[in-house]
């Protein structure tokens, strides 16, 4: 079991240091917090095999016994020095240069970044989940981010987190470091973190981001599972046709199997199409204007558009309710929540309500005029505004839409899998029928 070193402040203000065993770092931090210790510093033990390492937390210092007067004074001085060093470890050094906040080049953020600079979603989910747990347990944010940077399996994420730690150490917000890497942190993640920083619930916002990424991973895995067999059958059919034709040719016979996917001319057109499609989704959608036009098309597509809107409404409602509960002004809450909806088309329509809300117009009337919200959302907002429970109503609305959108997305994935399977069946049937037709024609001509 891993061993962690820590420094923590006891209830009487003394600094206690020692080691503790735990399966994970956040689990060890929770154990310390449950014992009434305020964590100052925690990390993996530099010498975990030390026989003096104990899985327990040091007991509070015992009452001093009669000793020469010099020793208690020396002990008190040593404690004060240790405390000063512990707190000094989190202060920026005078010669430390804060990281830059300037935007990176377009090539870095929108071309090379999306192509070769992505961070796996599992890595991001782990980071946000661990950081949420550590902040909730009372671990300082600088120490938390620095510790997670050392645990990051992705080299790029480790570099980003070390830079982010520098931003926080310089007195900046966490989102200021995230916004420099749009190819890693998408607008939904960034907006939710900004909302958490604005309303004072950063640990909760980090947990929401982790849940959002987990749902995205589950949906992608579902598509992979449902499309695995059709893709395998397509690949196998190409290999079978090529292998059969090689065997027939080696026997000196004419003819053989024919498939459109084994023809070079087919790939002259199909190959560039696949490359362009990949570049569009990976690089093209990183451009805000292209993303806006794409979201317009998707939002107006039957069935799929309804699913996308429901997911956007869920993200908006969860962010708006939390910001309203945190006392953030309504106009500011609307802007941050619109950024968090994850749909550029709907976000642009929501932004039109900011001016009217600043003029004092009611929330319900303002949202209705944007024509971006469904009647159900408007009715729930009206009820919440009338009863004074706007944040609760929006949270319930978000939960409903998340469940509904997840169900519809799952059904869509299943339909896509069936359609692909039918397409593959038709393709293989065409290859088989074409072979037997040619074979029969050859037999007839020979007879």
Protein backbone atom coordinates (compact mmCIF):
# COMPACT_ATOMS: atom_id res chain seq x y z
CA UNK A 1 0.00 0.00 0.00
CA UNK A 2 1.42 3.45 -0.92
CA UNK A 3 2.93 5.59 1.82
CA UNK A 4 2.35 9.35 1.92
CA UNK A 5 4.21 12.05 3.84
CA UNK A 6 2.19 14.92 5.23
CA UNK A 7 2.31 18.09 7.25
CA UNK A 8 -0.89 19.21 8.93
CA UNK A 9 -2.07 21.70 11.51
CA UNK A 10 -3.76 20.31 14.62
CA UNK A 11 -6.72 21.86 16.40
CA UNK A 12 -4.41 23.75 18.77
CA UNK A 13 -2.45 25.30 15.91
CA UNK A 14 0.60 23.03 16.09
CA UNK A 15 2.23 21.56 12.98
CA UNK A 16 2.27 17.76 12.95
CA UNK A 17 4.22 15.81 10.35
CA UNK A 18 4.43 12.12 9.64
CA UNK A 19 3.44 9.40 7.23
CA UNK A 20 0.18 7.59 6.52
CA UNK A 21 -0.78 4.59 4.40
CA UNK A 22 -3.55 4.86 1.84
CA UNK A 23 -4.72 3.31 -1.42
CA UNK A 24 -4.86 6.73 -3.08
CA UNK A 25 -3.66 10.20 -2.17
CA UNK A 26 -7.17 11.61 -1.83
CA UNK A 27 -8.11 8.69 0.42
CA UNK A 28 -5.20 9.48 2.70
CA UNK A 29 -6.22 13.15 2.68
CA UNK A 30 -9.76 12.24 3.72
CA UNK A 31 -8.44 10.10 6.56
CA UNK A 32 -6.40 13.01 7.86
CA UNK A 33 -9.30 15.45 7.52
CA UNK A 34 -11.61 13.05 9.39
CA UNK A 35 -9.25 13.22 12.35
CA UNK A 36 -9.52 16.99 12.58
CA UNK A 37 -6.22 17.84 10.89
CA UNK A 38 -5.93 20.74 8.46
CA UNK A 39 -3.61 19.55 5.70
CA UNK A 40 -0.74 21.84 4.83
CA UNK A 41 1.25 19.52 2.56
CA UNK A 42 0.88 15.91 1.42
CA UNK A 43 2.68 13.79 -1.15
CA UNK A 44 4.18 10.40 -1.88
CA UNK A 45 6.79 9.44 0.71
CA UNK A 46 10.35 9.88 -0.52
CA UNK A 47 11.40 6.69 1.29
CA UNK A 48 8.32 4.44 1.57
CA UNK A 49 10.44 1.50 2.78
CA UNK A 50 11.54 3.32 5.91
CA UNK A 51 10.91 0.94 8.83
CA UNK A 52 9.92 3.91 10.97
CA UNK A 53 6.92 4.64 8.72
CA UNK A 54 3.72 4.05 10.65
CA UNK A 55 0.18 3.90 9.28
CA UNK A 56 -1.13 6.02 12.10
CA UNK A 57 -1.22 9.76 12.67
CA UNK A 58 1.02 11.13 15.37
CA UNK A 59 -0.79 11.75 18.61
CA UNK A 60 -1.06 15.33 19.91
CA UNK A 61 1.99 16.39 21.89
CA UNK A 62 1.83 15.29 25.51
CA UNK A 63 1.88 17.74 28.39
CA UNK A 64 5.45 18.78 29.18
CA UNK A 65 7.04 17.21 32.25
CA UNK A 66 9.52 18.76 34.60
CA UNK A 67 12.69 19.29 32.59
CA UNK A 68 15.38 21.88 32.38
CA UNK A 69 13.90 25.19 31.29
CA UNK A 70 16.03 25.32 28.12
CA UNK A 71 14.46 22.25 26.47
CA UNK A 72 10.80 23.44 26.27
CA UNK A 73 12.02 26.69 24.80
CA UNK A 74 14.08 24.82 22.24
CA UNK A 75 11.14 22.59 21.35
CA UNK A 76 8.83 25.58 20.95
CA UNK A 77 11.37 27.30 18.72
CA UNK A 78 11.75 24.14 16.62
CA UNK A 79 7.97 23.90 16.18
CA UNK A 80 7.77 27.53 15.08
CA UNK A 81 10.60 27.00 12.58
CA UNK A 82 8.91 23.86 11.20
CA UNK A 83 5.61 25.69 10.85
CA UNK A 84 7.28 28.60 9.08
CA UNK A 85 9.02 26.25 6.64
CA UNK A 86 5.77 24.36 5.98
CA UNK A 87 3.85 27.49 5.06
CA UNK A 88 6.80 28.97 3.18
CA UNK A 89 6.77 25.94 0.88
CA UNK A 90 3.54 27.21 -0.69
CA UNK A 91 4.62 30.82 -1.18
CA UNK A 92 6.13 31.88 -4.51
CA UNK A 93 9.81 32.71 -4.35
CA UNK A 94 10.73 36.36 -4.98
CA UNK A 95 12.54 35.54 -8.23
CA UNK A 96 9.81 33.23 -9.54
CA UNK A 97 8.39 34.36 -12.89
CA UNK A 98 4.65 33.78 -13.34
CA UNK A 99 3.62 31.84 -16.47
CA UNK A 100 2.42 33.83 -19.45
CA UNK A 101 -1.31 34.42 -19.94
CA UNK A 102 -1.01 35.31 -23.63
CA UNK A 103 -2.94 33.27 -26.15
CA UNK A 104 -0.96 30.64 -28.00
CA UNK A 105 -0.78 30.75 -31.78
CA UNK A 106 -3.66 29.57 -33.95
CA UNK A 107 -1.51 26.75 -35.34
CA UNK A 108 -0.82 25.47 -31.81
CA UNK A 109 -4.40 25.66 -30.52
CA UNK A 110 -6.45 24.88 -33.62
CA UNK A 111 -4.26 22.84 -35.99
CA UNK A 112 -1.38 20.95 -34.39
CA UNK A 113 -3.03 20.83 -30.97
CA UNK A 114 -6.19 18.97 -32.09
CA UNK A 115 -4.12 16.68 -34.32
CA UNK A 116 -1.27 15.60 -32.04
CA UNK A 117 -1.79 17.45 -28.76
CA UNK A 118 -4.94 15.86 -27.36
CA UNK A 119 -5.07 14.43 -23.85
CA UNK A 120 -7.06 11.18 -23.35
CA UNK A 121 -10.46 11.73 -21.73
CA UNK A 122 -9.67 9.14 -19.06
CA UNK A 123 -6.68 11.24 -17.98
CA UNK A 124 -8.83 14.39 -17.78
CA UNK A 125 -11.57 12.60 -15.86
CA UNK A 126 -9.03 11.30 -13.34
CA UNK A 127 -7.52 14.77 -12.91
CA UNK A 128 -10.83 16.55 -12.33
CA UNK A 129 -12.16 13.82 -10.01
CA UNK A 130 -9.00 13.70 -7.90
CA UNK A 131 -8.73 17.49 -7.69
CA UNK A 132 -12.38 17.76 -6.62
CA UNK A 133 -11.84 15.19 -3.86
CA UNK A 134 -8.62 16.78 -2.64
CA UNK A 135 -10.10 20.28 -2.49
CA UNK A 136 -13.14 18.95 -0.65
CA UNK A 137 -10.79 17.29 1.85
CA UNK A 138 -9.05 20.60 2.50
CA UNK A 139 -5.80 20.11 0.56
CA UNK A 140 -4.52 23.50 -0.74
CA UNK A 141 -5.14 23.91 -4.46
CA UNK A 142 -1.48 24.60 -5.30
CA UNK A 143 -0.40 21.42 -3.55
CA UNK A 144 -3.22 19.45 -5.15
CA UNK A 145 -2.43 20.54 -8.70
CA UNK A 146 1.32 20.05 -8.18
CA UNK A 147 0.79 16.54 -6.81
CA UNK A 148 -1.53 15.57 -9.67
CA UNK A 149 1.03 16.91 -12.15
CA UNK A 150 3.53 14.35 -10.89
CA UNK A 151 0.93 11.57 -11.26
CA UNK A 152 -0.17 12.49 -14.80
CA UNK A 153 0.55 9.73 -17.32
CA UNK A 154 0.17 12.15 -20.21
CA UNK A 155 3.31 14.21 -20.64
CA UNK A 156 1.36 17.17 -22.05
CA UNK A 157 -1.12 17.16 -19.16
CA UNK A 158 1.78 17.13 -16.70
CA UNK A 159 3.29 20.20 -18.39
CA UNK A 160 -0.08 21.98 -18.35
CA UNK A 161 -0.66 21.23 -14.68
CA UNK A 162 2.78 22.48 -13.68
CA UNK A 163 2.08 25.69 -15.58
CA UNK A 164 -1.37 25.89 -13.98
CA UNK A 165 0.24 25.57 -10.55
CA UNK A 166 2.39 28.59 -11.43
CA UNK A 167 -0.69 30.60 -12.36
CA UNK A 168 -2.40 29.76 -9.07
CA UNK A 169 0.80 30.49 -7.15
CA UNK A 170 0.84 33.92 -8.80
CA UNK A 171 -2.66 34.67 -7.50
CA UNK A 172 -4.53 33.89 -10.70
CA UNK A 173 -7.56 31.71 -11.23
CA UNK A 174 -7.28 28.12 -12.36
CA UNK A 175 -9.31 28.89 -15.49
CA UNK A 176 -6.68 31.39 -16.66
CA UNK A 177 -4.25 28.54 -17.09
CA UNK A 178 -6.86 26.26 -18.70
CA UNK A 179 -7.97 28.75 -21.34
CA UNK A 180 -4.54 28.67 -23.01
CA UNK A 181 -5.15 25.04 -24.04
CA UNK A 182 -8.51 24.87 -25.88
CA UNK A 183 -7.41 21.65 -27.60
CA UNK A 184 -7.38 19.97 -24.16
CA UNK A 185 -10.10 21.80 -22.19
CA UNK A 186 -13.21 22.37 -24.30
CA UNK A 187 -15.60 25.32 -23.71
CA UNK A 188 -17.93 23.23 -21.54
CA UNK A 189 -15.14 22.29 -19.11
CA UNK A 190 -13.76 25.82 -19.03
CA UNK A 191 -17.15 27.43 -18.48
CA UNK A 192 -18.10 25.09 -15.64
CA UNK A 193 -14.79 25.81 -13.90
CA UNK A 194 -15.31 29.55 -14.32
CA UNK A 195 -18.79 29.19 -12.86
CA UNK A 196 -17.37 27.32 -9.87
CA UNK A 197 -14.71 29.98 -9.31
CA UNK A 198 -17.27 32.76 -9.60
CA UNK A 199 -19.79 31.25 -7.18
CA UNK A 200 -17.30 29.66 -4.76
CA UNK A 201 -18.09 25.97 -5.43
CA UNK A 202 -14.97 24.98 -7.36
CA UNK A 203 -14.79 21.49 -5.85
CA UNK A 204 -18.39 20.81 -6.87
CA UNK A 205 -17.78 22.22 -10.36
CA UNK A 206 -14.77 19.93 -10.78
CA UNK A 207 -16.97 16.96 -9.88
CA UNK A 208 -19.57 18.05 -12.45
CA UNK A 209 -16.86 18.25 -15.13
CA UNK A 210 -15.64 14.76 -14.19
CA UNK A 211 -19.21 13.41 -14.48
CA UNK A 212 -19.58 15.11 -17.87
CA UNK A 213 -16.38 13.47 -19.13
CA UNK A 214 -17.42 10.08 -17.75
CA UNK A 215 -20.71 10.27 -19.67
CA UNK A 216 -18.80 11.23 -22.82
CA UNK A 217 -16.48 8.23 -22.37
CA UNK A 218 -19.42 5.87 -21.83
CA UNK A 219 -21.16 7.12 -24.99
CA UNK A 220 -17.99 6.77 -27.08
CA UNK A 221 -17.40 3.26 -25.75
CA UNK A 222 -21.00 2.38 -26.61
CA UNK A 223 -20.47 3.50 -30.22
CA UNK A 224 -17.23 1.52 -30.39
CA UNK A 225 -18.93 -1.64 -29.13
CA UNK A 226 -21.89 -1.34 -31.48
CA UNK A 227 -19.77 -0.58 -34.55
CA UNK A 228 -16.97 -3.06 -33.82
CA UNK A 229 -18.54 -6.06 -35.61
CA UNK A 230 -19.49 -4.14 -38.80
CA UNK A 231 -15.97 -2.70 -39.02
CA UNK A 232 -14.45 -6.14 -38.38
CA UNK A 233 -16.60 -7.73 -41.07
CA UNK A 234 -15.66 -5.04 -43.61
CA UNK A 235 -11.96 -5.54 -42.90
CA UNK A 236 -12.26 -9.33 -43.00
CA UNK A 237 -14.14 -9.24 -46.31
CA UNK A 238 -11.38 -7.14 -47.91
CA UNK A 239 -8.68 -9.53 -46.68
CA UNK A 240 -10.66 -12.59 -47.83
CA UNK A 241 -11.16 -11.17 -51.32
CA UNK A 242 -7.48 -10.25 -51.67
CA UNK A 243 -6.30 -13.63 -50.34
CA UNK A 244 -8.71 -15.59 -52.57
CA UNK A 245 -7.63 -13.69 -55.68
CA UNK A 246 -3.96 -14.33 -54.84
CA UNK A 247 -4.64 -18.07 -54.52
CA UNK A 248 -6.60 -18.15 -57.77
CA UNK A 249 -3.86 -16.26 -59.59
CA UNK A 250 -1.16 -18.60 -58.23
CA UNK A 251 -3.10 -21.55 -59.68
CA UNK A 252 -3.02 -19.95 -63.12
CA UNK A 253 -6.77 -19.56 -63.38
CA UNK A 254 -8.68 -16.60 -64.69
CA UNK A 255 -11.29 -14.60 -62.83
CA UNK A 256 -11.75 -14.36 -59.13
CA UNK A 257 -13.68 -12.43 -56.53
CA UNK A 258 -14.52 -8.79 -57.08
CA UNK A 259 -15.22 -6.17 -54.46
CA UNK A 260 -15.46 -2.38 -54.82
CA UNK A 261 -13.31 -1.94 -51.72
CA UNK A 262 -10.42 -3.84 -53.29
CA UNK A 263 -10.35 -1.63 -56.38
CA UNK A 264 -7.61 1.07 -56.36
CA UNK A 265 -9.96 3.52 -58.10
CA UNK A 266 -12.38 3.30 -55.18
CA UNK A 267 -9.72 4.43 -52.72
CA UNK A 268 -8.69 7.29 -54.99
CA UNK A 269 -12.02 8.87 -54.04
CA UNK A 270 -12.74 7.20 -50.69
CA UNK A 271 -9.30 7.83 -49.14
CA UNK A 272 -9.35 11.65 -49.47
CA UNK A 273 -12.97 11.66 -48.26
CA UNK A 274 -11.99 9.85 -45.05
CA UNK A 275 -9.05 12.20 -44.50
CA UNK A 276 -11.19 15.31 -45.06
CA UNK A 277 -13.87 14.02 -42.68
CA UNK A 278 -11.27 13.34 -40.00
CA UNK A 279 -9.71 16.80 -40.40
CA UNK A 280 -13.14 18.45 -40.28
CA UNK A 281 -14.11 16.91 -36.95
CA UNK A 282 -10.64 17.18 -35.42
CA UNK A 283 -9.44 20.57 -36.77
CA UNK A 284 -12.34 22.30 -38.52
CA UNK A 285 -14.69 22.27 -35.55
CA UNK A 286 -12.01 23.99 -33.47
CA UNK A 287 -12.81 27.15 -35.47
CA UNK A 288 -15.66 29.07 -33.71
CA UNK A 289 -17.37 30.11 -36.96
CA UNK A 290 -17.33 26.58 -38.40
CA UNK A 291 -18.48 25.21 -35.03
CA UNK A 292 -21.41 27.65 -34.96
CA UNK A 293 -22.57 26.65 -38.45
CA UNK A 294 -22.19 22.97 -37.60
CA UNK A 295 -24.24 23.37 -34.42
CA UNK A 296 -26.97 25.11 -36.46
CA UNK A 297 -27.19 22.11 -38.80
CA UNK A 298 -27.08 19.56 -35.97
CA UNK A 299 -29.66 21.42 -33.86
CA UNK A 300 -32.12 21.42 -36.77
CA UNK A 301 -31.60 17.75 -37.65
CA UNK A 302 -34.65 15.64 -36.73
CA UNK A 303 -34.29 13.53 -33.58
CA UNK A 304 -30.55 14.17 -33.22
CA UNK A 305 -31.19 17.91 -32.85
CA UNK A 306 -33.65 17.30 -30.02
CA UNK A 307 -31.09 15.15 -28.19
CA UNK A 308 -28.38 17.80 -28.58
CA UNK A 309 -30.70 20.55 -27.33
CA UNK A 310 -31.70 18.50 -24.30
CA UNK A 311 -28.08 17.96 -23.33
CA UNK A 312 -27.36 21.67 -23.81
CA UNK A 313 -30.36 22.62 -21.65
CA UNK A 314 -29.15 20.26 -18.93
CA UNK A 315 -25.70 21.86 -18.88
CA UNK A 316 -27.18 25.36 -18.90
CA UNK A 317 -29.65 24.64 -16.12
CA UNK A 318 -27.11 23.00 -13.82
CA UNK A 319 -24.66 25.90 -14.20
CA UNK A 320 -27.33 28.62 -13.91
CA UNK A 321 -28.88 27.06 -10.83
CA UNK A 322 -25.54 26.73 -9.05
CA UNK A 323 -24.54 30.30 -9.91
CA UNK A 324 -27.88 31.67 -8.75
CA UNK A 325 -27.55 29.70 -5.52
CA UNK A 326 -24.08 31.19 -5.05
CA UNK A 327 -25.40 34.76 -5.28
CA UNK A 328 -23.87 35.63 -8.67
CA UNK A 329 -25.78 38.45 -10.48
CA UNK A 330 -28.32 37.15 -12.97
CA UNK A 331 -26.70 38.72 -16.03
CA UNK A 332 -23.33 37.22 -15.14
CA UNK A 333 -24.95 33.87 -14.36
CA UNK A 334 -26.66 33.87 -17.75
CA UNK A 335 -23.39 34.54 -19.59
CA UNK A 336 -21.43 31.84 -17.78
CA UNK A 337 -24.26 29.32 -18.13
CA UNK A 338 -24.61 30.03 -21.84
CA UNK A 339 -20.89 29.36 -22.26
CA UNK A 340 -21.37 26.05 -20.44
CA UNK A 341 -24.21 24.79 -22.67
CA UNK A 342 -21.74 23.39 -25.23
CA UNK A 343 -23.67 24.57 -28.31
CA UNK A 344 -22.47 27.69 -30.16
CA UNK A 345 -25.80 28.18 -31.92
CA UNK A 346 -27.83 28.16 -28.70
CA UNK A 347 -25.16 30.19 -26.88
CA UNK A 348 -25.43 33.01 -29.42
CA UNK A 349 -29.21 33.12 -28.92
CA UNK A 350 -28.87 33.08 -25.13
CA UNK A 351 -26.44 35.99 -25.22
CA UNK A 352 -29.18 38.26 -26.59
CA UNK A 353 -30.93 38.09 -23.20
CA UNK A 354 -28.07 39.64 -21.23
CA UNK A 355 -28.94 43.24 -22.09
CA UNK A 356 -32.59 42.89 -21.14
CA UNK A 357 -31.73 41.13 -17.90
CA UNK A 358 -29.41 44.00 -16.95
CA UNK A 359 -32.34 46.36 -17.53
CA UNK A 360 -34.31 44.50 -14.86
CA UNK A 361 -36.61 42.41 -17.03
CA UNK A 362 -37.75 39.16 -15.38
CA UNK A 363 -35.84 35.95 -15.94
CA UNK A 364 -38.80 34.08 -17.44
CA UNK A 365 -39.70 36.77 -19.94
CA UNK A 366 -36.06 37.26 -20.91
CA UNK A 367 -35.41 33.58 -21.56
CA UNK A 368 -38.69 33.22 -23.49
CA UNK A 369 -37.72 36.04 -25.88
CA UNK A 370 -34.47 34.29 -26.84
CA UNK A 371 -36.42 31.38 -28.39
CA UNK A 372 -33.56 29.12 -27.33
CA UNK A 373 -35.48 27.31 -24.59
CA UNK A 374 -38.25 24.75 -24.77
CA UNK A 375 -41.65 25.48 -23.18
CA UNK A 376 -40.86 23.01 -20.38
CA UNK A 377 -37.77 24.99 -19.39
CA UNK A 378 -39.71 28.28 -19.48
CA UNK A 379 -42.51 26.86 -17.30
CA UNK A 380 -40.06 25.49 -14.73
CA UNK A 381 -38.16 28.79 -14.63
CA UNK A 382 -41.44 30.66 -14.16
CA UNK A 383 -42.40 28.37 -11.28
CA UNK A 384 -39.02 28.73 -9.66
CA UNK A 385 -39.01 32.49 -10.03
CA UNK A 386 -42.47 32.74 -8.49
CA UNK A 387 -41.75 30.44 -5.54
CA UNK A 388 -38.19 31.66 -4.95
CA UNK A 389 -36.72 28.20 -5.67
CA UNK A 390 -35.21 28.95 -9.08
CA UNK A 391 -31.98 27.06 -8.41
CA UNK A 392 -33.82 23.92 -7.26
CA UNK A 393 -36.16 23.94 -10.24
CA UNK A 394 -33.25 24.35 -12.66
CA UNK A 395 -31.35 21.51 -11.00
CA UNK A 396 -34.37 19.20 -11.32
CA UNK A 397 -34.79 20.26 -14.94
CA UNK A 398 -31.12 19.48 -15.58
CA UNK A 399 -31.39 16.02 -14.07
CA UNK A 400 -34.47 15.25 -16.18
CA UNK A 401 -32.84 16.42 -19.41
CA UNK A 402 -29.59 14.59 -18.68
CA UNK A 403 -31.44 11.31 -18.24
CA UNK A 404 -33.60 11.91 -21.30
CA UNK A 405 -30.67 12.95 -23.50
CA UNK A 406 -28.58 9.97 -22.35
CA UNK A 407 -31.42 7.59 -23.21
CA UNK A 408 -31.89 9.13 -26.65
CA UNK A 409 -28.14 9.10 -27.34
CA UNK A 410 -28.00 5.41 -26.39
CA UNK A 411 -30.91 4.64 -28.71
CA UNK A 412 -29.22 6.58 -31.51
CA UNK A 413 -26.02 4.58 -31.05
CA UNK A 414 -27.98 1.33 -31.22
CA UNK A 415 -29.74 2.42 -34.40
CA UNK A 416 -26.40 3.40 -35.97
CA UNK A 417 -25.01 -0.03 -35.11
CA UNK A 418 -27.97 -1.81 -36.73
CA UNK A 419 -27.78 0.38 -39.86
CA UNK A 420 -24.05 -0.29 -40.24
CA UNK A 421 -24.64 -4.02 -39.79
CA UNK A 422 -27.29 -3.99 -42.53
CA UNK A 423 -24.98 -2.04 -44.85
CA UNK A 424 -22.21 -4.58 -44.28
CA UNK A 425 -24.65 -7.46 -44.88
CA UNK A 426 -25.72 -5.90 -48.19
CA UNK A 427 -22.11 -5.34 -49.20
CA UNK A 428 -21.06 -8.94 -48.42
CA UNK A 429 -24.18 -10.26 -50.13
CA UNK A 430 -23.32 -8.25 -53.23
CA UNK A 431 -19.79 -9.71 -53.29
CA UNK A 432 -21.09 -13.28 -52.92
CA UNK A 433 -23.84 -12.88 -55.53
CA UNK A 434 -21.40 -11.28 -57.97
CA UNK A 435 -18.99 -14.20 -57.51
CA UNK A 436 -21.57 -16.91 -58.09
CA UNK A 437 -23.04 -15.04 -61.04
CA UNK A 438 -19.61 -14.90 -62.67
CA UNK A 439 -18.95 -18.50 -61.79
CA UNK A 440 -22.26 -19.60 -63.30
CA UNK A 441 -21.63 -17.60 -66.45
CA UNK A 442 -18.21 -19.24 -66.78
CA UNK A 443 -19.65 -22.74 -66.39
CA UNK A 444 -22.34 -22.04 -68.99
CA UNK A 445 -19.87 -20.73 -71.54
CA UNK A 446 -17.59 -23.73 -70.93
CA UNK A 447 -20.44 -26.14 -71.51
